[in-house]
Amino acid sequence: MGSAITTALAAMSGWEIVAVILALAYLLLAMRENIACWYAAFASTAIYTLLFWDVSLLMESALQVFYLVMAVYGWWQWRHHRDTQRDLQIHRWPLRTHLVVFAVVGALTAIFGYVLEATTSAALPYLDSFTTWGAVITTFMVTRKVLENWIYWFVIDGVSIYLYLDRGLYLTAVLFMVYVVLVVVGFFHWYAIYRKEAQIPGTGVAA
């Protein structure tokens, strides 16, 4: 694996390095509820859209287009959203909502995994479908400042590590290992803010 990592490092383009740095910047800024995270997300995703297309990863490239749209939507939500005359704040979804999400992601994973397995030569089609659809809903959760998004990312990023290792994308796997650590930090950081806001009348959603 050491030689593979060395080869991968040598093959990295300057644009890929910039994309990785911006992707990390997005996560760190999101942890701090800094709206600049969406600028970093947009720039990183734009680069990845072209990089994935260039290496014929068409589904990954299409997912990046979704991320571009969500970066704009997230910026708009964080800047302009009002909820009963309050700025958008960290809040939680009820258990019922999470159960619906699990059912929808599970169904989409089964459907698209089957289609990929039956019509393409995609590797690990069901896991690939799971991480894709999981990422779609979790990105939306970030734009709405749903606390549990960090827990979702922990699972999705963990599965993604296995996918990237299986495909020999060792550097990307390392990046996602860093993500797994950061999402844990992000959860506790947001949770502290959530608890603080919930104790102040009129400034947040009570626990």
Protein backbone atom coordinates (compact mmCIF):
# COMPACT_ATOMS: atom_id res chain seq x y z
CA MET A 1 0.00 0.00 0.00
CA GLY A 2 2.92 2.35 0.66
CA SER A 3 4.05 2.29 -2.95
CA ALA A 4 0.46 2.77 -4.10
CA ILE A 5 0.12 5.87 -1.93
CA THR A 6 3.41 7.23 -3.27
CA THR A 7 2.22 6.67 -6.83
CA ALA A 8 -1.11 8.32 -6.08
CA LEU A 9 0.63 11.34 -4.58
CA ALA A 10 2.81 11.70 -7.66
CA ALA A 11 -0.25 11.48 -9.91
CA MET A 12 -2.23 14.15 -8.06
CA SER A 13 -2.85 17.28 -10.09
CA GLY A 14 -2.62 20.76 -8.68
CA TRP A 15 -6.38 21.11 -9.11
CA GLU A 16 -7.01 17.96 -7.08
CA ILE A 17 -4.87 19.29 -4.24
CA VAL A 18 -6.81 22.58 -4.29
CA ALA A 19 -10.11 20.67 -4.28
CA VAL A 20 -9.05 18.62 -1.25
CA ILE A 21 -7.95 21.73 0.66
CA LEU A 22 -11.23 23.48 -0.12
CA ALA A 23 -13.21 20.38 0.88
CA LEU A 24 -11.48 20.37 4.27
CA ALA A 25 -12.04 24.11 4.60
CA TYR A 26 -15.75 23.57 3.96
CA LEU A 27 -16.09 21.07 6.78
CA LEU A 28 -14.08 23.13 9.26
CA LEU A 29 -16.06 26.28 8.45
CA ALA A 30 -19.38 24.39 8.62
CA MET A 31 -18.44 23.21 12.11
CA ARG A 32 -18.21 26.86 13.13
CA GLU A 33 -21.46 27.79 11.35
CA ASN A 34 -19.43 30.13 9.14
CA ILE A 35 -21.33 30.94 5.95
CA ALA A 36 -18.02 30.99 4.06
CA CYS A 37 -18.21 27.19 4.14
CA TRP A 38 -20.57 27.33 1.17
CA TYR A 39 -18.07 29.31 -0.92
CA ALA A 40 -15.44 26.65 -0.21
CA ALA A 41 -17.97 23.90 -0.99
CA PHE A 42 -18.94 25.47 -4.30
CA ALA A 43 -15.33 25.94 -5.44
CA SER A 44 -14.25 22.45 -4.37
CA THR A 45 -17.26 20.82 -5.98
CA ALA A 46 -16.79 22.72 -9.23
CA ILE A 47 -13.25 21.37 -9.49
CA TYR A 48 -14.33 17.83 -8.62
CA THR A 49 -17.10 17.97 -11.24
CA LEU A 50 -14.48 18.44 -13.96
CA LEU A 51 -11.98 16.01 -12.43
CA PHE A 52 -14.50 13.18 -12.18
CA TRP A 53 -15.80 13.85 -15.69
CA ASP A 54 -12.24 13.81 -17.02
CA VAL A 55 -11.66 10.30 -15.63
CA SER A 56 -15.09 9.05 -16.82
CA LEU A 57 -16.66 8.84 -13.35
CA LEU A 58 -19.94 10.13 -14.73
CA MET A 59 -22.17 9.34 -11.74
CA GLU A 60 -19.72 10.98 -9.35
CA SER A 61 -19.59 13.99 -11.64
CA ALA A 62 -23.39 14.18 -11.68
CA LEU A 63 -23.43 14.05 -7.87
CA GLN A 64 -21.07 17.02 -7.82
CA VAL A 65 -23.59 19.01 -9.88
CA PHE A 66 -26.11 18.36 -7.12
CA TYR A 67 -23.54 19.54 -4.58
CA LEU A 68 -23.10 22.75 -6.57
CA VAL A 69 -26.82 23.46 -6.39
CA MET A 70 -26.91 22.61 -2.68
CA ALA A 71 -23.96 24.92 -2.00
CA VAL A 72 -25.98 27.81 -3.43
CA TYR A 73 -29.10 26.68 -1.58
CA GLY A 74 -27.17 26.28 1.67
CA TRP A 75 -25.70 29.77 1.34
CA TRP A 76 -29.16 31.21 0.70
CA GLN A 77 -30.69 29.36 3.65
CA TRP A 78 -27.99 30.39 6.08
CA ARG A 79 -28.07 34.01 4.94
CA HIS A 80 -31.77 34.69 4.36
CA HIS A 81 -33.89 32.03 6.06
CA ARG A 82 -36.34 33.09 8.71
CA ASP A 83 -38.25 30.64 10.88
CA THR A 84 -41.01 32.41 12.82
CA GLN A 85 -38.91 35.57 12.65
CA ARG A 86 -35.74 33.84 13.87
CA ASP A 87 -32.53 33.21 12.01
CA LEU A 88 -32.07 29.57 11.02
CA GLN A 89 -30.52 27.78 14.00
CA ILE A 90 -29.29 24.32 14.83
CA HIS A 91 -32.22 22.02 15.54
CA ARG A 92 -33.11 18.34 15.65
CA TRP A 93 -35.42 16.19 13.59
CA PRO A 94 -37.96 13.97 15.38
CA LEU A 95 -37.50 10.19 15.30
CA ARG A 96 -40.38 9.83 12.84
CA THR A 97 -38.57 11.97 10.29
CA HIS A 98 -35.40 9.91 10.63
CA LEU A 99 -37.35 6.69 10.14
CA VAL A 100 -38.84 8.08 6.94
CA VAL A 101 -35.37 9.07 5.76
CA PHE A 102 -34.01 5.58 6.51
CA ALA A 103 -36.86 4.01 4.54
CA VAL A 104 -36.42 6.32 1.55
CA VAL A 105 -32.63 5.92 1.42
CA GLY A 106 -33.00 2.16 1.83
CA ALA A 107 -35.50 1.94 -1.03
CA LEU A 108 -33.40 4.12 -3.34
CA THR A 109 -30.30 2.12 -2.45
CA ALA A 110 -32.05 -1.14 -3.34
CA ILE A 111 -33.50 0.19 -6.60
CA PHE A 112 -30.39 1.92 -7.92
CA GLY A 113 -28.09 -0.81 -6.62
CA TYR A 114 -30.10 -3.39 -8.55
CA VAL A 115 -30.09 -1.28 -11.71
CA LEU A 116 -26.35 -0.70 -11.50
CA GLU A 117 -25.67 -4.38 -10.85
CA ALA A 118 -27.90 -5.50 -13.72
CA THR A 119 -26.90 -2.97 -16.37
CA THR A 120 -23.35 -1.84 -15.58
CA SER A 121 -20.02 -3.15 -14.36
CA ALA A 122 -20.10 -0.88 -11.30
CA ALA A 123 -18.13 -2.10 -8.31
CA LEU A 124 -20.08 -2.59 -5.07
CA PRO A 125 -23.23 -1.05 -6.61
CA TYR A 126 -25.36 -1.23 -3.45
CA LEU A 127 -22.79 0.44 -1.22
CA ASP A 128 -22.12 3.00 -3.94
CA SER A 129 -25.84 3.76 -4.17
CA PHE A 130 -26.13 3.99 -0.39
CA THR A 131 -23.34 6.54 -0.03
CA THR A 132 -24.69 8.58 -2.95
CA TRP A 133 -28.28 8.83 -1.72
CA GLY A 134 -27.16 9.17 1.87
CA ALA A 135 -24.97 12.09 0.87
CA VAL A 136 -27.87 13.73 -0.96
CA ILE A 137 -30.16 13.79 2.09
CA THR A 138 -27.36 14.62 4.51
CA THR A 139 -26.23 17.61 2.45
CA PHE A 140 -29.79 18.91 2.64
CA MET A 141 -29.67 18.43 6.42
CA VAL A 142 -26.54 20.62 6.60
CA THR A 143 -28.30 23.41 4.69
CA ARG A 144 -31.10 23.27 7.26
CA LYS A 145 -28.68 23.00 10.22
CA VAL A 146 -30.08 19.67 11.42
CA LEU A 147 -27.87 18.48 14.27
CA GLU A 148 -27.99 14.81 13.31
CA ASN A 149 -26.32 15.49 9.96
CA TRP A 150 -22.98 14.79 11.64
CA ILE A 151 -24.12 11.31 12.68
CA TYR A 152 -25.27 10.60 9.14
CA TRP A 153 -21.93 11.77 7.76
CA PHE A 154 -20.08 9.53 10.20
CA VAL A 155 -21.81 6.46 8.74
CA ILE A 156 -21.59 7.60 5.12
CA ASP A 157 -17.93 8.59 5.33
CA GLY A 158 -17.08 5.36 7.11
CA VAL A 159 -18.64 3.30 4.33
CA SER A 160 -16.96 5.52 1.74
CA ILE A 161 -13.55 4.70 3.20
CA TYR A 162 -14.16 1.04 2.45
CA LEU A 163 -15.34 1.86 -1.07
CA TYR A 164 -12.29 3.97 -1.88
CA LEU A 165 -9.87 1.44 -0.41
CA ASP A 166 -11.56 -1.29 -2.44
CA ARG A 167 -11.03 0.77 -5.60
CA GLY A 168 -7.44 1.66 -4.80
CA LEU A 169 -8.19 5.34 -4.16
CA TYR A 170 -5.99 5.47 -1.11
CA LEU A 171 -5.55 9.22 -0.88
CA THR A 172 -9.27 9.81 -1.05
CA ALA A 173 -9.71 7.14 1.62
CA VAL A 174 -7.25 9.01 3.85
CA LEU A 175 -9.21 12.23 3.27
CA PHE A 176 -12.38 10.49 4.39
CA MET A 177 -10.62 9.11 7.45
CA VAL A 178 -9.91 12.72 8.38
CA TYR A 179 -13.57 13.50 7.69
CA VAL A 180 -14.69 10.80 10.13
CA VAL A 181 -12.64 12.43 12.90
CA LEU A 182 -13.85 15.91 12.02
CA VAL A 183 -17.53 14.97 11.93
CA VAL A 184 -17.26 13.69 15.50
CA VAL A 185 -15.75 17.02 16.52
CA GLY A 186 -18.40 18.82 14.47
CA PHE A 187 -21.24 16.97 16.19
CA PHE A 188 -20.11 17.89 19.69
CA HIS A 189 -19.43 21.48 18.65
CA TRP A 190 -22.91 21.89 17.16
CA TYR A 191 -24.48 20.04 20.11
CA ALA A 192 -22.94 22.49 22.55
CA ILE A 193 -24.35 25.39 20.53
CA TYR A 194 -27.74 23.67 20.30
CA ARG A 195 -27.91 23.15 24.07
CA LYS A 196 -26.89 26.75 24.72
CA GLU A 197 -29.47 28.19 22.32
CA ALA A 198 -32.20 25.89 23.66
CA GLN A 199 -31.74 27.38 27.14
CA ILE A 200 -32.34 30.92 25.93
CA PRO A 201 -36.07 31.69 25.38
CA GLY A 202 -36.85 32.71 21.82
CA THR A 203 -33.44 31.86 20.40
CA GLY A 204 -33.70 28.21 19.51
CA VAL A 205 -35.66 25.01 19.47
CA ALA A 206 -35.89 23.39 22.86
CA ALA A 207 -34.43 19.93 23.34
